[in-house]
Structure formats: C-alpha cells, structure tokens
Amino acid sequence: MAMIMNGEVQLPASREAVWAKLNDPEVLKACIPGCEELEPTDDGGFRAVAKMKVGPVSARFKGRVTLGDLDPPNGYKISGEGEGGVAGFAKGGATVALVDKDGGTLLTYNVEAQIGGKLAQLGQRLILGSAKKLADQFFGNFAKEVQI
C-alpha cells in the first residue's frame, strides 16, 4: 500500500539550530514515538529500532535510515526501510525543507512510503490516521527540543 503525507510546522528557533537538532541522534531518538535505539552508522545514516502499534497490530521494527541531498541548513532527503516480522514492512522517504519565517523556522515535509504485510491489510484510513498521529507526536516533541 502506498502512502503520501505532507505537512509543515513553525519552530521557534533559527534554521541553523533546527538543522543541528535534525542531525542529532539523541534528539531524534527522544522525539520519535516508540524509538528504542537510534545509532549512527559509518555511512552517515542511522540504525534504528522502534516499537509501534497501529490498530490491533503491534511490532518492533528494525531498520536503517540514510540521509541524502544534504543542503545545510536548508534541508535534506531522508530514506529508510524497516522490518516488523509478521506485522510487515515499511519503506520510504521524506524531503525536509527549512526556511526562515516569522522570526523562526518553517519546516515542511513530504513523505512517500510503502507498507506491506499485516499492516497493509488494516486499511488505508487507519494507516493514514496512525501515520498522521505519529508525525504530530514527533513534531510536537521536536518543537519542545528546539526550544531548549
């Protein structure tokens, strides 16, 4: 099942400060809902483990995240894939852009993802609702981090 999602969030910090936090594994680990591990890899990406629950399906996903098209402090492309055992898999990417706005930074994101397995059988409305909730939780947590 294909999934497309986009959004924006206004952050009360400079682009440089937001950029630094977007590249800090400790900040990202604290912001990602269900994240248990987020370790940098030698190629500039991350190895991740996150426990997720979508409707009746709960699973621990293990995967890799890579960063590309780096344009500090304006944005990057993030891509990754994860396996959740019988729950299924997820893979996709997001483009993240940062621009100065209203004395802070406007972060915009565009996500394209594919999911399969039991997760894909849950139905698009439930999947999109859960994905939106996770994105909202991440950006809510991230907004708190950039204020520190």
Foldseek 3Di string as FASTA:
>chain_A
DKDKDKDKDWAQAALQLLQVLVLDQVLQQQQQAQWDDWAADPQSWTWTWGWDDQPPDTFIWTKIKHWAPDDPSFWTKIWMKIAGPQCWIKTWIKTWGWDDDDNTIMIMMMIMMDIDHNPPVPDDVSVVVRVVVSVVSSVVSSSVVSVD
